[in-house]
Amino acid sequence: MDNREKRLIESFTTVGGVLLLFGAAVYITGWSYAPYLYFAGSLLFACGQFADRYNGDDRTIKRLRFQQVLGACFLLFTTVLMFADGIHSFLLNDTSITPGLRSFLLDITRKNNWIVTLSIGALFELYSSFRLDHLSKEQN
């Protein structure tokens, strides 16, 4: 991977990180466009994480890269839960859905479930980025 591709991946990750952080912070206020902002940020961030490859043999770095990709997947799933909050009230009033499925969907779309997946994704990203930085300093 040359420097131009590396800079492009870093810029995707940086812009995506800022957008998803801003979207998550503004979502709490109830702004209707916040999930879309978060979605754009998480998509850019995940694209940056997926495009950043490691081709070496170090098992620790491979594990940490897998944790980063898994964290990006959790951040993407958070988007689904953010949009699901909007259909929660619809599910409460809809009686055409079978009771078992309705109960399952209500449990998934319960308010603020998105915070759990956001926290898990952020912890994966934070831990792996600090460990990767520490390993790169040890090797140099």
C-alpha atoms as a PDB file:
ATOM      1  CA  MET A   1       0.000   0.000   0.000  1.00  0.00           C
ATOM      2  CA  ASP A   2       1.508   3.334  -1.020  1.00  0.00           C
ATOM      3  CA  ASN A   3       1.365   6.595   0.929  1.00  0.00           C
ATOM      4  CA  ARG A   4      -1.480   8.024  -1.137  1.00  0.00           C
ATOM      5  CA  GLU A   5      -3.759   5.069  -0.353  1.00  0.00           C
ATOM      6  CA  LYS A   6      -2.722   5.176   3.308  1.00  0.00           C
ATOM      7  CA  ARG A   7      -3.606   8.892   3.550  1.00  0.00           C
ATOM      8  CA  LEU A   8      -6.961   8.271   1.860  1.00  0.00           C
ATOM      9  CA  ILE A   9      -7.815   5.501   4.329  1.00  0.00           C
ATOM     10  CA  GLU A  10      -6.765   7.709   7.252  1.00  0.00           C
ATOM     11  CA  SER A  11      -8.901  10.581   5.991  1.00  0.00           C
ATOM     12  CA  PHE A  12     -11.938   8.277   5.598  1.00  0.00           C
ATOM     13  CA  THR A  13     -11.449   7.040   9.136  1.00  0.00           C
ATOM     14  CA  THR A  14     -10.947  10.535  10.557  1.00  0.00           C
ATOM     15  CA  VAL A  15     -13.908  12.156   8.802  1.00  0.00           C
ATOM     16  CA  GLY A  16     -16.087   9.136   9.589  1.00  0.00           C
ATOM     17  CA  GLY A  17     -15.061   9.216  13.242  1.00  0.00           C
ATOM     18  CA  VAL A  18     -15.948  12.887  13.582  1.00  0.00           C
ATOM     19  CA  LEU A  19     -19.311  12.405  11.847  1.00  0.00           C
ATOM     20  CA  LEU A  20     -20.299   9.393  13.910  1.00  0.00           C
ATOM     21  CA  LEU A  21     -19.255  11.086  17.143  1.00  0.00           C
ATOM     22  CA  PHE A  22     -21.262  14.188  16.242  1.00  0.00           C
ATOM     23  CA  GLY A  23     -24.238  12.110  15.088  1.00  0.00           C
ATOM     24  CA  ALA A  24     -24.295  10.100  18.323  1.00  0.00           C
ATOM     25  CA  ALA A  25     -23.988  13.223  20.463  1.00  0.00           C
ATOM     26  CA  VAL A  26     -26.740  15.069  18.600  1.00  0.00           C
ATOM     27  CA  TYR A  27     -29.040  12.010  18.524  1.00  0.00           C
ATOM     28  CA  ILE A  28     -29.621  12.425  22.252  1.00  0.00           C
ATOM     29  CA  THR A  29     -31.165  15.849  21.603  1.00  0.00           C
ATOM     30  CA  GLY A  30     -33.783  14.306  19.314  1.00  0.00           C
ATOM     31  CA  TRP A  31     -32.625  15.943  16.078  1.00  0.00           C
ATOM     32  CA  SER A  32     -34.277  13.979  13.263  1.00  0.00           C
ATOM     33  CA  TYR A  33     -31.220  13.996  10.960  1.00  0.00           C
ATOM     34  CA  ALA A  34     -28.813  12.645  13.596  1.00  0.00           C
ATOM     35  CA  PRO A  35     -29.186   8.961  12.588  1.00  0.00           C
ATOM     36  CA  TYR A  36     -28.369   9.871   8.984  1.00  0.00           C
ATOM     37  CA  LEU A  37     -25.302  11.797  10.091  1.00  0.00           C
ATOM     38  CA  TYR A  38     -24.239   8.882  12.282  1.00  0.00           C
ATOM     39  CA  PHE A  39     -24.863   6.455   9.396  1.00  0.00           C
ATOM     40  CA  ALA A  40     -22.644   8.451   7.041  1.00  0.00           C
ATOM     41  CA  GLY A  41     -19.913   8.607   9.672  1.00  0.00           C
ATOM     42  CA  SER A  42     -20.079   4.938  10.565  1.00  0.00           C
ATOM     43  CA  LEU A  43     -20.039   3.962   6.894  1.00  0.00           C
ATOM     44  CA  LEU A  44     -16.938   6.076   6.194  1.00  0.00           C
ATOM     45  CA  PHE A  45     -15.257   4.834   9.368  1.00  0.00           C
ATOM     46  CA  ALA A  46     -16.031   1.195   8.575  1.00  0.00           C
ATOM     47  CA  CYS A  47     -14.799   1.589   4.992  1.00  0.00           C
ATOM     48  CA  GLY A  48     -11.540   2.968   6.357  1.00  0.00           C
ATOM     49  CA  GLN A  49     -11.230   0.062   8.801  1.00  0.00           C
ATOM     50  CA  PHE A  50     -12.062  -2.571   6.182  1.00  0.00           C
ATOM     51  CA  ALA A  51      -9.600  -1.103   3.658  1.00  0.00           C
ATOM     52  CA  ASP A  52      -6.686  -0.971   6.115  1.00  0.00           C
ATOM     53  CA  ARG A  53      -5.028  -4.353   5.668  1.00  0.00           C
ATOM     54  CA  TYR A  54      -2.261  -6.147   7.535  1.00  0.00           C
ATOM     55  CA  ASN A  55      -0.329  -8.715   5.518  1.00  0.00           C
ATOM     56  CA  GLY A  56       2.287  -9.706   8.088  1.00  0.00           C
ATOM     57  CA  ASP A  57       2.610 -12.818  10.236  1.00  0.00           C
ATOM     58  CA  ASP A  58       2.267 -11.351  13.733  1.00  0.00           C
ATOM     59  CA  ARG A  59      -0.718 -13.040  15.409  1.00  0.00           C
ATOM     60  CA  THR A  60      -1.189 -10.225  17.927  1.00  0.00           C
ATOM     61  CA  ILE A  61      -1.521  -7.596  15.227  1.00  0.00           C
ATOM     62  CA  LYS A  62      -3.896  -9.833  13.256  1.00  0.00           C
ATOM     63  CA  ARG A  63      -6.059 -10.253  16.373  1.00  0.00           C
ATOM     64  CA  LEU A  64      -6.077  -6.524  17.038  1.00  0.00           C
ATOM     65  CA  ARG A  65      -6.983  -5.771  13.409  1.00  0.00           C
ATOM     66  CA  PHE A  66      -9.858  -8.276  13.694  1.00  0.00           C
ATOM     67  CA  GLN A  67     -11.035  -6.444  16.817  1.00  0.00           C
ATOM     68  CA  GLN A  68     -10.992  -3.172  14.917  1.00  0.00           C
ATOM     69  CA  VAL A  69     -13.086  -4.632  12.110  1.00  0.00           C
ATOM     70  CA  LEU A  70     -15.466  -6.166  14.653  1.00  0.00           C
ATOM     71  CA  GLY A  71     -15.751  -2.778  16.385  1.00  0.00           C
ATOM     72  CA  ALA A  72     -16.591  -1.160  13.049  1.00  0.00           C
ATOM     73  CA  CYS A  73     -19.328  -3.771  12.547  1.00  0.00           C
ATOM     74  CA  PHE A  74     -20.784  -2.923  15.955  1.00  0.00           C
ATOM     75  CA  LEU A  75     -20.737   0.759  15.008  1.00  0.00           C
ATOM     76  CA  LEU A  76     -22.614  -0.061  11.799  1.00  0.00           C
ATOM     77  CA  PHE A  77     -25.169  -2.140  13.711  1.00  0.00           C
ATOM     78  CA  THR A  78     -25.705   0.858  16.002  1.00  0.00           C
ATOM     79  CA  THR A  79     -27.143   2.674  12.981  1.00  0.00           C
ATOM     80  CA  VAL A  80     -29.785  -0.022  12.584  1.00  0.00           C
ATOM     81  CA  LEU A  81     -30.785   0.362  16.227  1.00  0.00           C
ATOM     82  CA  MET A  82     -30.920   4.150  15.919  1.00  0.00           C
ATOM     83  CA  PHE A  83     -33.399   3.861  13.073  1.00  0.00           C
ATOM     84  CA  ALA A  84     -35.264   1.116  14.941  1.00  0.00           C
ATOM     85  CA  ASP A  85     -36.072   3.571  17.729  1.00  0.00           C
ATOM     86  CA  GLY A  86     -38.286   5.378  15.240  1.00  0.00           C
ATOM     87  CA  ILE A  87     -40.403   2.304  14.555  1.00  0.00           C
ATOM     88  CA  HIS A  88     -40.758   1.352  18.228  1.00  0.00           C
ATOM     89  CA  SER A  89     -43.897   3.431  18.685  1.00  0.00           C
ATOM     90  CA  PHE A  90     -45.328   1.980  15.482  1.00  0.00           C
ATOM     91  CA  LEU A  91     -44.841  -1.545  16.815  1.00  0.00           C
ATOM     92  CA  LEU A  92     -46.601  -0.677  20.061  1.00  0.00           C
ATOM     93  CA  ASN A  93     -49.785   0.217  18.176  1.00  0.00           C
ATOM     94  CA  ASP A  94     -49.670  -2.442  15.438  1.00  0.00           C
ATOM     95  CA  THR A  95     -51.723  -5.525  16.290  1.00  0.00           C
ATOM     96  CA  SER A  96     -51.409  -7.263  12.911  1.00  0.00           C
ATOM     97  CA  ILE A  97     -48.016  -8.784  13.822  1.00  0.00           C
ATOM     98  CA  THR A  98     -48.011 -12.121  15.642  1.00  0.00           C
ATOM     99  CA  PRO A  99     -47.478 -11.702  19.403  1.00  0.00           C
ATOM    100  CA  GLY A 100     -44.165 -13.613  19.506  1.00  0.00           C
ATOM    101  CA  LEU A 101     -42.616 -11.625  16.663  1.00  0.00           C
ATOM    102  CA  ARG A 102     -44.042  -8.373  18.016  1.00  0.00           C
ATOM    103  CA  SER A 103     -42.504  -9.050  21.444  1.00  0.00           C
ATOM    104  CA  PHE A 104     -39.126  -9.841  19.860  1.00  0.00           C
ATOM    105  CA  LEU A 105     -39.189  -6.694  17.724  1.00  0.00           C
ATOM    106  CA  LEU A 106     -40.195  -4.566  20.703  1.00  0.00           C
ATOM    107  CA  ASP A 107     -37.292  -5.949  22.716  1.00  0.00           C
ATOM    108  CA  ILE A 108     -34.822  -5.191  19.924  1.00  0.00           C
ATOM    109  CA  THR A 109     -36.140  -1.686  19.282  1.00  0.00           C
ATOM    110  CA  ARG A 110     -36.421  -0.694  22.921  1.00  0.00           C
ATOM    111  CA  LYS A 111     -35.212   2.846  23.400  1.00  0.00           C
ATOM    112  CA  ASN A 112     -31.479   3.379  23.921  1.00  0.00           C
ATOM    113  CA  ASN A 113     -30.369  -0.142  22.925  1.00  0.00           C
ATOM    114  CA  TRP A 114     -28.100   1.585  20.433  1.00  0.00           C
ATOM    115  CA  ILE A 115     -25.960   2.825  23.331  1.00  0.00           C
ATOM    116  CA  VAL A 116     -24.933  -0.754  24.158  1.00  0.00           C
ATOM    117  CA  THR A 117     -23.649  -1.555  20.666  1.00  0.00           C
ATOM    118  CA  LEU A 118     -22.024   1.871  20.391  1.00  0.00           C
ATOM    119  CA  SER A 119     -20.174   1.281  23.664  1.00  0.00           C
ATOM    120  CA  ILE A 120     -19.011  -2.191  22.648  1.00  0.00           C
ATOM    121  CA  GLY A 121     -17.778  -0.941  19.283  1.00  0.00           C
ATOM    122  CA  ALA A 122     -16.034   2.032  20.853  1.00  0.00           C
ATOM    123  CA  LEU A 123     -14.290  -0.192  23.418  1.00  0.00           C
ATOM    124  CA  PHE A 124     -13.045  -2.548  20.697  1.00  0.00           C
ATOM    125  CA  GLU A 125     -11.771   0.381  18.653  1.00  0.00           C
ATOM    126  CA  LEU A 126     -10.171   2.157  21.604  1.00  0.00           C
ATOM    127  CA  TYR A 127      -8.412  -0.900  23.022  1.00  0.00           C
ATOM    128  CA  SER A 128      -7.088  -2.131  19.700  1.00  0.00           C
ATOM    129  CA  SER A 129      -5.866   1.296  18.590  1.00  0.00           C
ATOM    130  CA  PHE A 130      -3.901   1.832  21.819  1.00  0.00           C
ATOM    131  CA  ARG A 131      -2.438  -1.683  21.675  1.00  0.00           C
ATOM    132  CA  LEU A 132      -1.473  -1.313  18.002  1.00  0.00           C
ATOM    133  CA  ASP A 133       0.189   2.026  18.745  1.00  0.00           C
ATOM    134  CA  HIS A 134       2.084   0.461  21.653  1.00  0.00           C
ATOM    135  CA  LEU A 135       3.225  -2.473  19.513  1.00  0.00           C
ATOM    136  CA  SER A 136       4.431  -0.182  16.723  1.00  0.00           C
ATOM    137  CA  LYS A 137       6.469   1.819  19.248  1.00  0.00           C
ATOM    138  CA  GLU A 138       8.002  -1.383  20.644  1.00  0.00           C
ATOM    139  CA  GLN A 139       9.031  -2.578  17.196  1.00  0.00           C
ATOM    140  CA  ASN A 140      10.752   0.728  16.326  1.00  0.00           C
END
